[in-house]
């Protein structure tokens, strides 16, 4: 899950989880050096411990924001290998690395309707209109970009909770198909090259 403000997504996701008490989805926490994060979403460690975890390659991906370090723990791989679906919040610029690690990745890109209108004027949107979304996604993938249709809400908290709940329920319903309808093989991968940034980017 990504958005223009990923910290707001943590609060939204907490509300969504209350509406899905019996969900089979997993919600692993991020590791961070930020002390004031939401406890439901993050585990705080000091900078020395974070560097040790990173050096031991126990992160799938890391990023920097507002002077703090963030990382998604490697146990997410175990969750996926066991056939479950992990729901994580991350900035848009790390999504290509996550897609390389997990080809079945589904991106929920939350945006209010005004943001969507602005995005429709972007070069990416124009490319989609010219060549179609599938070809545009392949072209953007080669260039390191990410295309994802936004999940739109009306700019208020209840609307955002509702559309996120619907999006996650749609993903979960897909998981309820017979096992032979989806692959159980998880491709092996090497640790991705990490791209650092000093600030969280805009939504996809």
C-alpha atoms as a PDB file:
ATOM      1  CA  UNK A   1       0.000   0.000   0.000  1.00  0.00           C
ATOM      2  CA  UNK A   2       1.263   3.452  -0.855  1.00  0.00           C
ATOM      3  CA  UNK A   3       0.007   7.025  -0.863  1.00  0.00           C
ATOM      4  CA  UNK A   4       1.219  10.602  -0.897  1.00  0.00           C
ATOM      5  CA  UNK A   5       1.369  10.425   2.918  1.00  0.00           C
ATOM      6  CA  UNK A   6       2.319   6.912   4.003  1.00  0.00           C
ATOM      7  CA  UNK A   7       2.142   7.794   7.712  1.00  0.00           C
ATOM      8  CA  UNK A   8      -1.579   8.485   7.294  1.00  0.00           C
ATOM      9  CA  UNK A   9      -1.958   5.008   5.792  1.00  0.00           C
ATOM     10  CA  UNK A  10      -0.870   3.479   9.104  1.00  0.00           C
ATOM     11  CA  UNK A  11      -3.839   5.067  10.888  1.00  0.00           C
ATOM     12  CA  UNK A  12      -6.196   4.087   8.076  1.00  0.00           C
ATOM     13  CA  UNK A  13      -4.957   0.510   8.089  1.00  0.00           C
ATOM     14  CA  UNK A  14      -5.527   0.242  11.843  1.00  0.00           C
ATOM     15  CA  UNK A  15      -9.157   1.264  11.297  1.00  0.00           C
ATOM     16  CA  UNK A  16      -9.507  -1.148   8.370  1.00  0.00           C
ATOM     17  CA  UNK A  17      -8.209  -4.067  10.432  1.00  0.00           C
ATOM     18  CA  UNK A  18     -10.914  -3.437  13.031  1.00  0.00           C
ATOM     19  CA  UNK A  19     -13.461  -3.903  10.252  1.00  0.00           C
ATOM     20  CA  UNK A  20     -11.824  -7.200   9.205  1.00  0.00           C
ATOM     21  CA  UNK A  21     -11.334  -9.052  12.527  1.00  0.00           C
ATOM     22  CA  UNK A  22     -11.351 -12.510  10.929  1.00  0.00           C
ATOM     23  CA  UNK A  23      -9.124 -11.719   7.962  1.00  0.00           C
ATOM     24  CA  UNK A  24      -6.495 -14.200   6.800  1.00  0.00           C
ATOM     25  CA  UNK A  25      -4.241 -11.352   5.670  1.00  0.00           C
ATOM     26  CA  UNK A  26      -0.996 -10.779   7.572  1.00  0.00           C
ATOM     27  CA  UNK A  27       0.185  -7.298   8.613  1.00  0.00           C
ATOM     28  CA  UNK A  28       3.922  -7.439   9.421  1.00  0.00           C
ATOM     29  CA  UNK A  29       5.415  -4.364  11.077  1.00  0.00           C
ATOM     30  CA  UNK A  30       8.147  -2.149   9.674  1.00  0.00           C
ATOM     31  CA  UNK A  31      11.428  -1.676  11.529  1.00  0.00           C
ATOM     32  CA  UNK A  32      12.351   1.971  12.050  1.00  0.00           C
ATOM     33  CA  UNK A  33      14.601   4.359  13.946  1.00  0.00           C
ATOM     34  CA  UNK A  34      11.640   6.739  14.347  1.00  0.00           C
ATOM     35  CA  UNK A  35      10.413   6.776  17.939  1.00  0.00           C
ATOM     36  CA  UNK A  36       6.946   8.270  17.508  1.00  0.00           C
ATOM     37  CA  UNK A  37       5.494   5.870  14.939  1.00  0.00           C
ATOM     38  CA  UNK A  38       2.222   3.999  15.349  1.00  0.00           C
ATOM     39  CA  UNK A  39       2.870   0.854  17.484  1.00  0.00           C
ATOM     40  CA  UNK A  40       0.491  -1.195  15.323  1.00  0.00           C
ATOM     41  CA  UNK A  41       2.646  -0.465  12.273  1.00  0.00           C
ATOM     42  CA  UNK A  42       6.256  -0.065  13.406  1.00  0.00           C
ATOM     43  CA  UNK A  43       8.891  -1.500  15.724  1.00  0.00           C
ATOM     44  CA  UNK A  44      11.437   1.026  16.964  1.00  0.00           C
ATOM     45  CA  UNK A  45      15.149   0.171  17.169  1.00  0.00           C
ATOM     46  CA  UNK A  46      18.165   2.416  17.620  1.00  0.00           C
ATOM     47  CA  UNK A  47      20.404   3.253  14.676  1.00  0.00           C
ATOM     48  CA  UNK A  48      23.083   0.768  15.665  1.00  0.00           C
ATOM     49  CA  UNK A  49      20.642  -2.154  15.744  1.00  0.00           C
ATOM     50  CA  UNK A  50      19.096  -1.033  12.444  1.00  0.00           C
ATOM     51  CA  UNK A  51      22.547  -1.046  10.812  1.00  0.00           C
ATOM     52  CA  UNK A  52      23.224  -4.516  12.227  1.00  0.00           C
ATOM     53  CA  UNK A  53      19.964  -5.855  10.780  1.00  0.00           C
ATOM     54  CA  UNK A  54      20.732  -4.253   7.425  1.00  0.00           C
ATOM     55  CA  UNK A  55      24.284  -5.605   7.399  1.00  0.00           C
ATOM     56  CA  UNK A  56      22.979  -9.112   8.100  1.00  0.00           C
ATOM     57  CA  UNK A  57      20.629  -8.747   5.089  1.00  0.00           C
ATOM     58  CA  UNK A  58      17.530  -9.243   7.214  1.00  0.00           C
ATOM     59  CA  UNK A  59      15.621  -6.535   5.371  1.00  0.00           C
ATOM     60  CA  UNK A  60      13.832  -6.978   2.058  1.00  0.00           C
ATOM     61  CA  UNK A  61      14.146  -3.281   1.333  1.00  0.00           C
ATOM     62  CA  UNK A  62      15.064  -0.109   3.238  1.00  0.00           C
ATOM     63  CA  UNK A  63      14.534   3.614   2.733  1.00  0.00           C
ATOM     64  CA  UNK A  64      15.177   6.957   4.404  1.00  0.00           C
ATOM     65  CA  UNK A  65      12.617   9.639   5.271  1.00  0.00           C
ATOM     66  CA  UNK A  66      12.831  12.772   7.407  1.00  0.00           C
ATOM     67  CA  UNK A  67      16.179  11.689   8.835  1.00  0.00           C
ATOM     68  CA  UNK A  68      14.919   8.241   9.897  1.00  0.00           C
ATOM     69  CA  UNK A  69      15.560   4.757   8.532  1.00  0.00           C
ATOM     70  CA  UNK A  70      12.820   2.285   7.648  1.00  0.00           C
ATOM     71  CA  UNK A  71      12.957  -1.351   6.581  1.00  0.00           C
ATOM     72  CA  UNK A  72      10.630  -4.225   5.751  1.00  0.00           C
ATOM     73  CA  UNK A  73      11.825  -7.366   7.562  1.00  0.00           C
ATOM     74  CA  UNK A  74      12.837 -10.511   5.727  1.00  0.00           C
ATOM     75  CA  UNK A  75      10.251 -12.608   7.583  1.00  0.00           C
ATOM     76  CA  UNK A  76       7.752 -11.309   5.012  1.00  0.00           C
ATOM     77  CA  UNK A  77       9.298 -13.841   2.629  1.00  0.00           C
ATOM     78  CA  UNK A  78       8.397 -16.632   5.045  1.00  0.00           C
ATOM     79  CA  UNK A  79       4.815 -15.379   5.266  1.00  0.00           C
ATOM     80  CA  UNK A  80       4.490 -15.470   1.472  1.00  0.00           C
ATOM     81  CA  UNK A  81       6.249 -18.834   1.129  1.00  0.00           C
ATOM     82  CA  UNK A  82       3.704 -20.301   3.538  1.00  0.00           C
ATOM     83  CA  UNK A  83       0.904 -19.225   1.208  1.00  0.00           C
ATOM     84  CA  UNK A  84      -0.331 -16.171   3.093  1.00  0.00           C
ATOM     85  CA  UNK A  85      -0.596 -12.581   1.880  1.00  0.00           C
ATOM     86  CA  UNK A  86       1.350  -9.834   3.650  1.00  0.00           C
ATOM     87  CA  UNK A  87       0.011  -6.269   3.640  1.00  0.00           C
ATOM     88  CA  UNK A  88       2.671  -3.580   4.059  1.00  0.00           C
ATOM     89  CA  UNK A  89       2.854   0.200   3.765  1.00  0.00           C
ATOM     90  CA  UNK A  90       5.802   1.618   1.820  1.00  0.00           C
ATOM     91  CA  UNK A  91       6.652   4.692  -0.277  1.00  0.00           C
ATOM     92  CA  UNK A  92       6.160   4.478  -4.019  1.00  0.00           C
ATOM     93  CA  UNK A  93       9.857   4.517  -4.921  1.00  0.00           C
ATOM     94  CA  UNK A  94      10.513   1.113  -3.296  1.00  0.00           C
ATOM     95  CA  UNK A  95       7.604  -0.602  -5.060  1.00  0.00           C
ATOM     96  CA  UNK A  96       9.741  -1.652  -8.092  1.00  0.00           C
ATOM     97  CA  UNK A  97      12.115  -3.508  -5.748  1.00  0.00           C
ATOM     98  CA  UNK A  98       9.222  -5.207  -4.000  1.00  0.00           C
ATOM     99  CA  UNK A  99       7.765  -6.176  -7.369  1.00  0.00           C
ATOM    100  CA  UNK A 100      11.106  -7.768  -8.318  1.00  0.00           C
ATOM    101  CA  UNK A 101      11.096  -9.743  -5.066  1.00  0.00           C
ATOM    102  CA  UNK A 102       7.415 -10.710  -5.246  1.00  0.00           C
ATOM    103  CA  UNK A 103       6.082 -10.982  -8.833  1.00  0.00           C
ATOM    104  CA  UNK A 104       2.525 -11.484  -7.540  1.00  0.00           C
ATOM    105  CA  UNK A 105       2.627  -8.111  -5.748  1.00  0.00           C
ATOM    106  CA  UNK A 106      -0.639  -6.148  -5.730  1.00  0.00           C
ATOM    107  CA  UNK A 107      -0.286  -2.381  -5.293  1.00  0.00           C
ATOM    108  CA  UNK A 108      -3.005  -0.383  -3.537  1.00  0.00           C
ATOM    109  CA  UNK A 109      -2.309   3.248  -4.397  1.00  0.00           C
ATOM    110  CA  UNK A 110      -4.610   5.447  -2.308  1.00  0.00           C
ATOM    111  CA  UNK A 111      -5.371   8.877  -3.768  1.00  0.00           C
ATOM    112  CA  UNK A 112      -8.118  11.414  -3.325  1.00  0.00           C
ATOM    113  CA  UNK A 113     -10.094  12.402  -6.386  1.00  0.00           C
ATOM    114  CA  UNK A 114      -8.347  15.760  -6.785  1.00  0.00           C
ATOM    115  CA  UNK A 115      -4.958  14.019  -6.846  1.00  0.00           C
ATOM    116  CA  UNK A 116      -6.306  11.657  -9.500  1.00  0.00           C
ATOM    117  CA  UNK A 117      -7.323  14.565 -11.730  1.00  0.00           C
ATOM    118  CA  UNK A 118      -3.844  16.031 -11.427  1.00  0.00           C
ATOM    119  CA  UNK A 119      -2.262  12.646 -12.123  1.00  0.00           C
ATOM    120  CA  UNK A 120      -4.298  12.320 -15.329  1.00  0.00           C
ATOM    121  CA  UNK A 121      -2.178  15.142 -16.751  1.00  0.00           C
ATOM    122  CA  UNK A 122       1.125  13.391 -16.013  1.00  0.00           C
ATOM    123  CA  UNK A 123       3.415  11.833 -18.685  1.00  0.00           C
ATOM    124  CA  UNK A 124       2.628   8.366 -17.308  1.00  0.00           C
ATOM    125  CA  UNK A 125      -1.109   8.887 -17.753  1.00  0.00           C
ATOM    126  CA  UNK A 126      -0.623  10.165 -21.292  1.00  0.00           C
ATOM    127  CA  UNK A 127       1.493   7.103 -22.113  1.00  0.00           C
ATOM    128  CA  UNK A 128      -1.300   4.845 -20.863  1.00  0.00           C
ATOM    129  CA  UNK A 129      -3.839   6.599 -23.072  1.00  0.00           C
ATOM    130  CA  UNK A 130      -1.606   6.280 -26.144  1.00  0.00           C
ATOM    131  CA  UNK A 131      -0.439   2.645 -25.924  1.00  0.00           C
ATOM    132  CA  UNK A 132      -2.823   1.151 -23.369  1.00  0.00           C
ATOM    133  CA  UNK A 133      -2.193   0.227 -19.709  1.00  0.00           C
ATOM    134  CA  UNK A 134      -0.578  -3.191 -20.290  1.00  0.00           C
ATOM    135  CA  UNK A 135       2.032  -1.978 -22.783  1.00  0.00           C
ATOM    136  CA  UNK A 136       2.616   1.149 -20.701  1.00  0.00           C
ATOM    137  CA  UNK A 137       3.273  -0.982 -17.625  1.00  0.00           C
ATOM    138  CA  UNK A 138       5.884  -3.027 -19.501  1.00  0.00           C
ATOM    139  CA  UNK A 139       7.567   0.125 -20.778  1.00  0.00           C
ATOM    140  CA  UNK A 140       7.555   1.728 -17.328  1.00  0.00           C
ATOM    141  CA  UNK A 141       8.875  -1.483 -15.795  1.00  0.00           C
ATOM    142  CA  UNK A 142      11.895  -1.410 -18.096  1.00  0.00           C
ATOM    143  CA  UNK A 143      12.501   2.185 -17.109  1.00  0.00           C
ATOM    144  CA  UNK A 144      12.200   1.444 -13.382  1.00  0.00           C
ATOM    145  CA  UNK A 145       8.860   3.175 -12.943  1.00  0.00           C
ATOM    146  CA  UNK A 146       5.598   1.901 -11.551  1.00  0.00           C
ATOM    147  CA  UNK A 147       2.104   2.259 -12.933  1.00  0.00           C
ATOM    148  CA  UNK A 148      -0.830   1.542 -10.660  1.00  0.00           C
ATOM    149  CA  UNK A 149      -4.426   2.615 -11.007  1.00  0.00           C
ATOM    150  CA  UNK A 150      -5.284   4.651  -7.890  1.00  0.00           C
ATOM    151  CA  UNK A 151      -7.863   3.586  -5.341  1.00  0.00           C
ATOM    152  CA  UNK A 152      -9.919   6.769  -5.061  1.00  0.00           C
ATOM    153  CA  UNK A 153     -11.576   8.222  -1.990  1.00  0.00           C
ATOM    154  CA  UNK A 154     -13.452  11.456  -1.345  1.00  0.00           C
ATOM    155  CA  UNK A 155     -10.775  13.136   0.761  1.00  0.00           C
ATOM    156  CA  UNK A 156     -12.208  12.211   4.171  1.00  0.00           C
ATOM    157  CA  UNK A 157     -11.243   9.514   6.682  1.00  0.00           C
ATOM    158  CA  UNK A 158     -14.443   7.387   6.503  1.00  0.00           C
ATOM    159  CA  UNK A 159     -14.268   7.287   2.713  1.00  0.00           C
ATOM    160  CA  UNK A 160     -10.611   6.216   2.797  1.00  0.00           C
ATOM    161  CA  UNK A 161     -11.333   3.454   5.323  1.00  0.00           C
ATOM    162  CA  UNK A 162     -14.232   2.190   3.208  1.00  0.00           C
ATOM    163  CA  UNK A 163     -12.315   1.987  -0.083  1.00  0.00           C
ATOM    164  CA  UNK A 164      -9.255   0.410   1.560  1.00  0.00           C
ATOM    165  CA  UNK A 165     -11.441  -2.196   3.244  1.00  0.00           C
ATOM    166  CA  UNK A 166     -13.071  -3.013  -0.089  1.00  0.00           C
ATOM    167  CA  UNK A 167      -9.670  -3.260  -1.813  1.00  0.00           C
ATOM    168  CA  UNK A 168      -8.263  -5.649   0.796  1.00  0.00           C
ATOM    169  CA  UNK A 169     -11.425  -7.761   0.783  1.00  0.00           C
ATOM    170  CA  UNK A 170     -11.109  -8.046  -2.995  1.00  0.00           C
ATOM    171  CA  UNK A 171      -7.539  -9.291  -2.623  1.00  0.00           C
ATOM    172  CA  UNK A 172      -8.576 -11.725   0.092  1.00  0.00           C
ATOM    173  CA  UNK A 173     -11.409 -13.110  -2.017  1.00  0.00           C
ATOM    174  CA  UNK A 174      -8.854 -13.885  -4.703  1.00  0.00           C
ATOM    175  CA  UNK A 175      -6.908 -15.953  -2.182  1.00  0.00           C
ATOM    176  CA  UNK A 176      -9.947 -18.157  -1.583  1.00  0.00           C
ATOM    177  CA  UNK A 177      -9.700 -19.733  -5.043  1.00  0.00           C
ATOM    178  CA  UNK A 178      -8.698 -23.424  -5.266  1.00  0.00           C
ATOM    179  CA  UNK A 179      -4.979 -23.986  -4.820  1.00  0.00           C
ATOM    180  CA  UNK A 180      -4.549 -25.215  -8.397  1.00  0.00           C
ATOM    181  CA  UNK A 181      -5.736 -21.819  -9.675  1.00  0.00           C
ATOM    182  CA  UNK A 182      -2.580 -20.113  -8.514  1.00  0.00           C
ATOM    183  CA  UNK A 183       1.085 -21.017  -8.369  1.00  0.00           C
ATOM    184  CA  UNK A 184       2.529 -22.169  -5.060  1.00  0.00           C
ATOM    185  CA  UNK A 185       6.089 -21.667  -6.235  1.00  0.00           C
ATOM    186  CA  UNK A 186       7.897 -18.640  -4.835  1.00  0.00           C
ATOM    187  CA  UNK A 187      10.871 -17.639  -7.008  1.00  0.00           C
ATOM    188  CA  UNK A 188      14.215 -17.387  -5.261  1.00  0.00           C
ATOM    189  CA  UNK A 189      15.931 -14.052  -5.391  1.00  0.00           C
ATOM    190  CA  UNK A 190      19.041 -12.263  -4.319  1.00  0.00           C
ATOM    191  CA  UNK A 191      18.846  -9.211  -2.066  1.00  0.00           C
ATOM    192  CA  UNK A 192      17.738  -6.225  -4.200  1.00  0.00           C
ATOM    193  CA  UNK A 193      19.951  -3.201  -4.675  1.00  0.00           C
ATOM    194  CA  UNK A 194      18.659  -0.562  -2.319  1.00  0.00           C
ATOM    195  CA  UNK A 195      17.888   2.960  -3.429  1.00  0.00           C
ATOM    196  CA  UNK A 196      18.067   5.590  -0.707  1.00  0.00           C
ATOM    197  CA  UNK A 197      16.031   8.768  -0.563  1.00  0.00           C
ATOM    198  CA  UNK A 198      15.867  11.630   1.892  1.00  0.00           C
ATOM    199  CA  UNK A 199      12.110  12.079   1.608  1.00  0.00           C
ATOM    200  CA  UNK A 200       8.953  10.132   0.940  1.00  0.00           C
ATOM    201  CA  UNK A 201       7.809  10.513  -2.672  1.00  0.00           C
ATOM    202  CA  UNK A 202       4.365  11.244  -3.976  1.00  0.00           C
ATOM    203  CA  UNK A 203       1.890   8.481  -4.651  1.00  0.00           C
ATOM    204  CA  UNK A 204       2.284   6.183  -7.630  1.00  0.00           C
END
